[in-house]
Amino acid sequence: MDIVVLVKHVPDATADRTFSGADHTTDRAGVDGLLSELDEYAVEEALKLVDAHGGEVTVLTMGPEQALDAVRKALQMGAAAGVHVVDDALHGSDALATSLVLAKALDKIGAYDMVLTGMASTDGGMSVVPAMLAERLGVPHLGFAAEVGVEGSTVRIRRDGDSATETVEGSLPAVVAVTDQINEPRYPSFKGIMAAKKKPVQTWTLADLGVDVAQVGLSAAWTAVESVTARPPRSAGEVVTDEGDGGAKLAEFLAARKFV
């Protein structure tokens, strides 16, 4: 079973994330980045499926030069090879353009049995690219999987909702998005880190994929951020000294703000 895992290099959630002053896109150069935490679950699940059924795991990312770090992390975890789509024209691409480029990259990769993704990217959180990608590829999409099983040419997932647990199945090849409930991603071992240095990573441009630059980037995006205002700092809270009437003051405070 050959699996392609989509990974994304995202700004560190613990850092002070900002927007670029030039075009109001996410500032990825001015903050440390890393492999999206939610994508680690997809890499881990792919490795487990390959351990059980054979085959190889290839990781695919789209992004600037530093996005290669996300590929390296997945290779250190155990993936066999990587593909990095990098092109200056990709800057500012929305979900539609992203799904287009990834679909073209998957076509170039060739034969695969499954595409695995995280349920969302930690910088965007839209959760729409896997479904868009499946539509472009003409294959089933199984989303928000808390468990994945493969039997022959069928993939079956368990999806846990607020009021019910569903079992959904589809035929392979398929795009499967997994949640953070599915496993516990492994830490790269020293052996894995050293082995990753020798694993092949291909770098492709839009020209390599046959994608017109007019179809991607900020100018082709369906939405744009027009202005950005920093969140104001939190003001100091009001301190109430209890002199026997603390309860009444608290009730007045809550009532004035319509909390009670």
Protein backbone atom coordinates (compact mmCIF):
# COMPACT_ATOMS: atom_id res chain seq x y z
CA MET A 1 0.00 0.00 0.00
CA ASP A 2 1.53 3.30 -1.12
CA ILE A 3 0.33 6.35 0.81
CA VAL A 4 0.90 10.05 0.20
CA VAL A 5 0.61 12.25 3.28
CA LEU A 6 -0.04 15.96 2.86
CA VAL A 7 1.90 18.05 5.36
CA LYS A 8 2.10 21.79 5.98
CA HIS A 9 4.72 24.05 7.50
CA VAL A 10 2.89 26.49 9.80
CA PRO A 11 3.86 29.32 12.16
CA ASP A 12 4.50 28.15 15.71
CA ALA A 13 1.24 28.54 17.61
CA THR A 14 3.13 29.65 20.72
CA ALA A 15 4.80 32.54 18.86
CA ASP A 16 3.41 36.02 18.30
CA ARG A 17 1.82 35.51 14.90
CA THR A 18 1.21 38.54 12.71
CA PHE A 19 0.16 39.56 9.21
CA SER A 20 2.44 41.02 6.58
CA GLY A 21 2.14 44.78 6.30
CA ALA A 22 2.50 44.65 2.52
CA ASP A 23 -0.44 42.43 1.55
CA HIS A 24 -2.03 41.29 4.85
CA THR A 25 -1.10 37.65 4.35
CA THR A 26 0.20 35.53 7.22
CA ASP A 27 3.77 36.49 8.09
CA ARG A 28 5.69 33.23 7.69
CA ALA A 29 9.17 34.71 7.49
CA GLY A 30 9.11 36.63 10.74
CA VAL A 31 8.18 33.72 13.00
CA ASP A 32 9.51 30.23 13.61
CA GLY A 33 7.64 27.47 11.82
CA LEU A 34 7.16 23.74 12.20
CA LEU A 35 5.24 20.75 10.88
CA SER A 36 1.56 21.29 11.66
CA GLU A 37 0.76 19.26 14.76
CA LEU A 38 -2.42 17.86 13.23
CA ASP A 39 -0.42 16.55 10.25
CA GLU A 40 1.77 14.48 12.57
CA TYR A 41 -1.25 12.26 13.25
CA ALA A 42 -1.64 11.67 9.50
CA VAL A 43 2.05 10.75 9.14
CA GLU A 44 1.83 8.36 12.09
CA GLU A 45 -1.31 6.69 10.74
CA ALA A 46 0.29 6.25 7.32
CA LEU A 47 3.35 4.61 8.89
CA LYS A 48 1.11 2.24 10.87
CA LEU A 49 -0.88 1.28 7.77
CA VAL A 50 2.30 0.61 5.81
CA ASP A 51 3.67 -1.49 8.66
CA ALA A 52 0.50 -3.59 8.50
CA HIS A 53 0.02 -3.80 4.73
CA GLY A 54 3.42 -3.04 3.20
CA GLY A 55 4.29 -0.24 0.81
CA GLU A 56 5.85 3.20 1.26
CA VAL A 57 4.91 6.61 2.62
CA THR A 58 5.62 9.74 0.59
CA VAL A 59 5.07 13.19 2.09
CA LEU A 60 3.96 16.12 -0.04
CA THR A 61 4.02 19.79 0.88
CA MET A 62 3.41 23.10 -0.86
CA GLY A 63 5.04 26.25 0.46
CA PRO A 64 8.12 28.48 0.58
CA GLU A 65 11.68 27.29 1.09
CA GLN A 66 11.29 26.83 4.85
CA ALA A 67 8.38 24.44 4.25
CA LEU A 68 11.02 21.80 3.53
CA ASP A 69 11.43 21.52 7.31
CA ALA A 70 7.98 19.92 7.52
CA VAL A 71 9.04 17.30 4.97
CA ARG A 72 12.24 16.61 6.90
CA LYS A 73 10.32 16.07 10.14
CA ALA A 74 8.03 13.53 8.44
CA LEU A 75 11.06 11.75 6.95
CA GLN A 76 12.62 11.60 10.40
CA MET A 77 9.44 9.97 11.69
CA GLY A 78 9.80 7.24 9.06
CA ALA A 79 8.40 8.35 5.70
CA ALA A 80 10.39 7.07 2.71
CA ALA A 81 10.45 10.10 0.39
CA GLY A 82 9.30 13.67 0.06
CA VAL A 83 8.02 16.15 -2.53
CA HIS A 84 8.18 19.92 -2.08
CA VAL A 85 6.21 22.20 -4.40
CA VAL A 86 7.80 25.63 -4.17
CA ASP A 87 7.24 28.67 -6.37
CA ASP A 88 7.14 32.40 -5.63
CA ALA A 89 3.83 32.62 -7.49
CA LEU A 90 2.15 30.47 -4.82
CA HIS A 91 2.30 33.27 -2.24
CA GLY A 92 -1.19 34.13 -1.01
CA SER A 93 -2.92 31.10 -2.55
CA ASP A 94 -6.32 30.23 -1.09
CA ALA A 95 -7.81 26.78 -0.47
CA LEU A 96 -9.04 26.42 -4.06
CA ALA A 97 -5.62 27.11 -5.52
CA THR A 98 -3.97 24.89 -2.92
CA SER A 99 -6.21 21.95 -3.82
CA LEU A 100 -5.44 22.51 -7.51
CA VAL A 101 -1.66 22.46 -7.02
CA LEU A 102 -1.78 19.45 -4.71
CA ALA A 103 -3.98 17.55 -7.18
CA LYS A 104 -1.50 18.23 -9.97
CA ALA A 105 1.36 17.12 -7.74
CA LEU A 106 -0.45 13.89 -6.90
CA ASP A 107 -1.02 13.26 -10.59
CA LYS A 108 2.72 13.66 -11.13
CA ILE A 109 3.56 11.36 -8.22
CA GLY A 110 1.49 8.71 -9.95
CA ALA A 111 0.14 5.53 -8.42
CA TYR A 112 -0.96 5.66 -4.79
CA ASP A 113 -3.57 3.85 -2.75
CA MET A 114 -4.46 6.55 -0.27
CA VAL A 115 -3.92 10.23 0.46
CA LEU A 116 -3.85 10.99 4.18
CA THR A 117 -4.20 14.45 5.70
CA GLY A 118 -4.75 16.05 9.07
CA MET A 119 -8.28 17.27 9.75
CA ALA A 120 -7.15 20.91 9.34
CA SER A 121 -4.05 23.09 9.34
CA THR A 122 -3.29 24.78 12.62
CA ASP A 123 -2.79 28.16 10.91
CA GLY A 124 -5.96 28.10 8.81
CA GLY A 125 -8.33 25.66 10.46
CA MET A 126 -10.72 25.52 7.47
CA SER A 127 -10.79 21.73 7.00
CA VAL A 128 -11.86 22.12 3.35
CA VAL A 129 -8.77 21.22 1.32
CA PRO A 130 -9.14 17.40 1.67
CA ALA A 131 -12.70 17.48 0.29
CA MET A 132 -11.71 19.88 -2.52
CA LEU A 133 -8.75 17.67 -3.36
CA ALA A 134 -10.87 14.51 -3.51
CA GLU A 135 -13.29 16.28 -5.86
CA ARG A 136 -10.46 17.28 -8.19
CA LEU A 137 -9.01 13.75 -8.14
CA GLY A 138 -12.41 12.10 -8.61
CA VAL A 139 -11.96 9.82 -5.58
CA PRO A 140 -13.93 9.32 -2.32
CA HIS A 141 -13.34 11.61 0.63
CA LEU A 142 -13.60 10.26 4.18
CA GLY A 143 -13.16 13.00 6.73
CA PHE A 144 -12.63 13.38 10.49
CA ALA A 145 -11.52 9.77 10.96
CA ALA A 146 -10.80 8.64 14.52
CA GLU A 147 -9.90 5.17 13.23
CA VAL A 148 -8.83 3.87 9.81
CA GLY A 149 -8.93 0.29 8.56
CA VAL A 150 -8.17 -1.20 5.16
CA GLU A 151 -9.50 -4.46 3.79
CA GLY A 152 -8.68 -5.25 0.18
CA SER A 153 -9.71 -2.27 -1.93
CA THR A 154 -11.95 -0.80 0.78
CA VAL A 155 -11.06 1.79 3.41
CA ARG A 156 -13.31 2.07 6.44
CA ILE A 157 -13.23 4.83 9.05
CA ARG A 158 -14.88 5.56 12.38
CA ARG A 159 -16.12 9.11 12.84
CA ASP A 160 -17.03 10.27 16.33
CA GLY A 161 -19.59 13.07 16.46
CA ASP A 162 -21.26 14.89 19.33
CA SER A 163 -24.35 12.69 19.24
CA ALA A 164 -23.32 9.57 17.30
CA THR A 165 -20.46 7.42 16.07
CA GLU A 166 -20.51 6.65 12.35
CA THR A 167 -18.76 4.02 10.25
CA VAL A 168 -18.03 5.25 6.74
CA GLU A 169 -16.37 3.30 3.96
CA GLY A 170 -15.16 3.97 0.44
CA SER A 171 -13.15 2.37 -2.32
CA LEU A 172 -9.45 2.97 -2.81
CA PRO A 173 -7.82 5.21 -3.86
CA ALA A 174 -9.33 7.73 -1.46
CA VAL A 175 -8.53 10.90 0.45
CA VAL A 176 -8.77 10.35 4.21
CA ALA A 177 -8.52 13.13 6.82
CA VAL A 178 -7.74 12.01 10.37
CA THR A 179 -8.34 13.66 13.74
CA ASP A 180 -6.01 14.02 16.71
CA GLN A 181 -7.86 11.16 18.44
CA ILE A 182 -6.53 8.50 16.11
CA ASN A 183 -3.06 7.80 17.53
CA GLU A 184 -0.05 9.15 19.38
CA PRO A 185 2.58 10.40 16.89
CA ARG A 186 6.08 9.05 17.46
CA TYR A 187 9.11 11.18 18.20
CA PRO A 188 11.93 10.91 15.64
CA SER A 189 14.71 8.71 16.96
CA PHE A 190 18.38 9.49 16.45
CA LYS A 191 18.50 6.67 13.90
CA GLY A 192 15.50 8.14 12.10
CA ILE A 193 17.03 11.62 12.06
CA MET A 194 20.26 10.33 10.53
CA ALA A 195 18.43 8.11 8.01
CA ALA A 196 16.28 11.03 6.86
CA LYS A 197 19.34 12.82 5.51
CA LYS A 198 19.72 10.16 2.81
CA LYS A 199 16.06 9.96 1.78
CA PRO A 200 15.08 11.49 -1.59
CA VAL A 201 13.20 14.78 -1.73
CA GLN A 202 12.03 16.15 -5.08
CA THR A 203 11.43 19.86 -5.63
CA TRP A 204 8.81 20.89 -8.19
CA THR A 205 7.70 24.28 -9.50
CA LEU A 206 4.38 25.26 -11.05
CA ALA A 207 5.95 24.81 -14.46
CA ASP A 208 6.83 21.22 -13.57
CA LEU A 209 3.17 20.62 -12.72
CA GLY A 210 1.76 22.45 -15.74
CA VAL A 211 -0.11 24.97 -13.56
CA ASP A 212 -0.70 28.47 -14.92
CA VAL A 213 0.52 31.12 -12.44
CA ALA A 214 -2.71 33.04 -13.10
CA GLN A 215 -4.61 30.26 -11.28
CA VAL A 216 -2.76 30.67 -7.99
CA GLY A 217 -1.47 33.33 -5.65
CA LEU A 218 -3.09 36.29 -3.97
CA SER A 219 -4.42 37.79 -7.21
CA ALA A 220 -6.40 34.60 -7.90
CA ALA A 221 -7.75 34.21 -4.36
CA TRP A 222 -11.50 34.53 -3.90
CA THR A 223 -11.09 36.46 -0.65
CA ALA A 224 -8.56 38.94 0.65
CA VAL A 225 -7.82 40.64 3.97
CA GLU A 226 -8.33 44.39 3.53
CA SER A 227 -7.11 45.60 6.92
CA VAL A 228 -5.58 44.25 10.10
CA THR A 229 -5.79 45.71 13.60
CA ALA A 230 -3.80 44.31 16.48
CA ARG A 231 -5.84 43.08 19.42
CA PRO A 232 -5.59 45.65 22.24
CA PRO A 233 -3.77 44.59 25.39
CA ARG A 234 -5.90 43.30 28.21
CA SER A 235 -6.80 45.95 30.74
CA ALA A 236 -6.33 45.46 34.45
CA GLY A 237 -9.28 43.92 36.23
CA GLU A 238 -11.34 45.67 38.86
CA VAL A 239 -10.43 44.76 42.42
CA VAL A 240 -13.30 44.77 44.90
CA THR A 241 -12.47 44.92 48.59
CA ASP A 242 -14.99 42.95 50.57
CA GLU A 243 -16.18 45.03 53.49
CA GLY A 244 -19.28 43.00 54.07
CA ASP A 245 -20.87 44.01 50.78
CA GLY A 246 -18.64 42.01 48.38
CA GLY A 247 -21.49 39.78 47.30
CA ALA A 248 -23.72 42.71 46.46
CA LYS A 249 -20.95 44.40 44.46
CA LEU A 250 -20.32 41.20 42.53
CA ALA A 251 -24.02 40.86 41.74
CA GLU A 252 -24.15 44.48 40.57
CA PHE A 253 -21.11 43.92 38.35
CA LEU A 254 -22.66 40.85 36.71
CA ALA A 255 -26.06 42.46 36.34
CA ALA A 256 -24.61 45.59 34.71
CA ARG A 257 -23.07 43.39 32.02
CA LYS A 258 -26.22 41.29 31.70
CA PHE A 259 -24.49 38.11 32.87
CA VAL A 260 -27.31 37.50 35.35
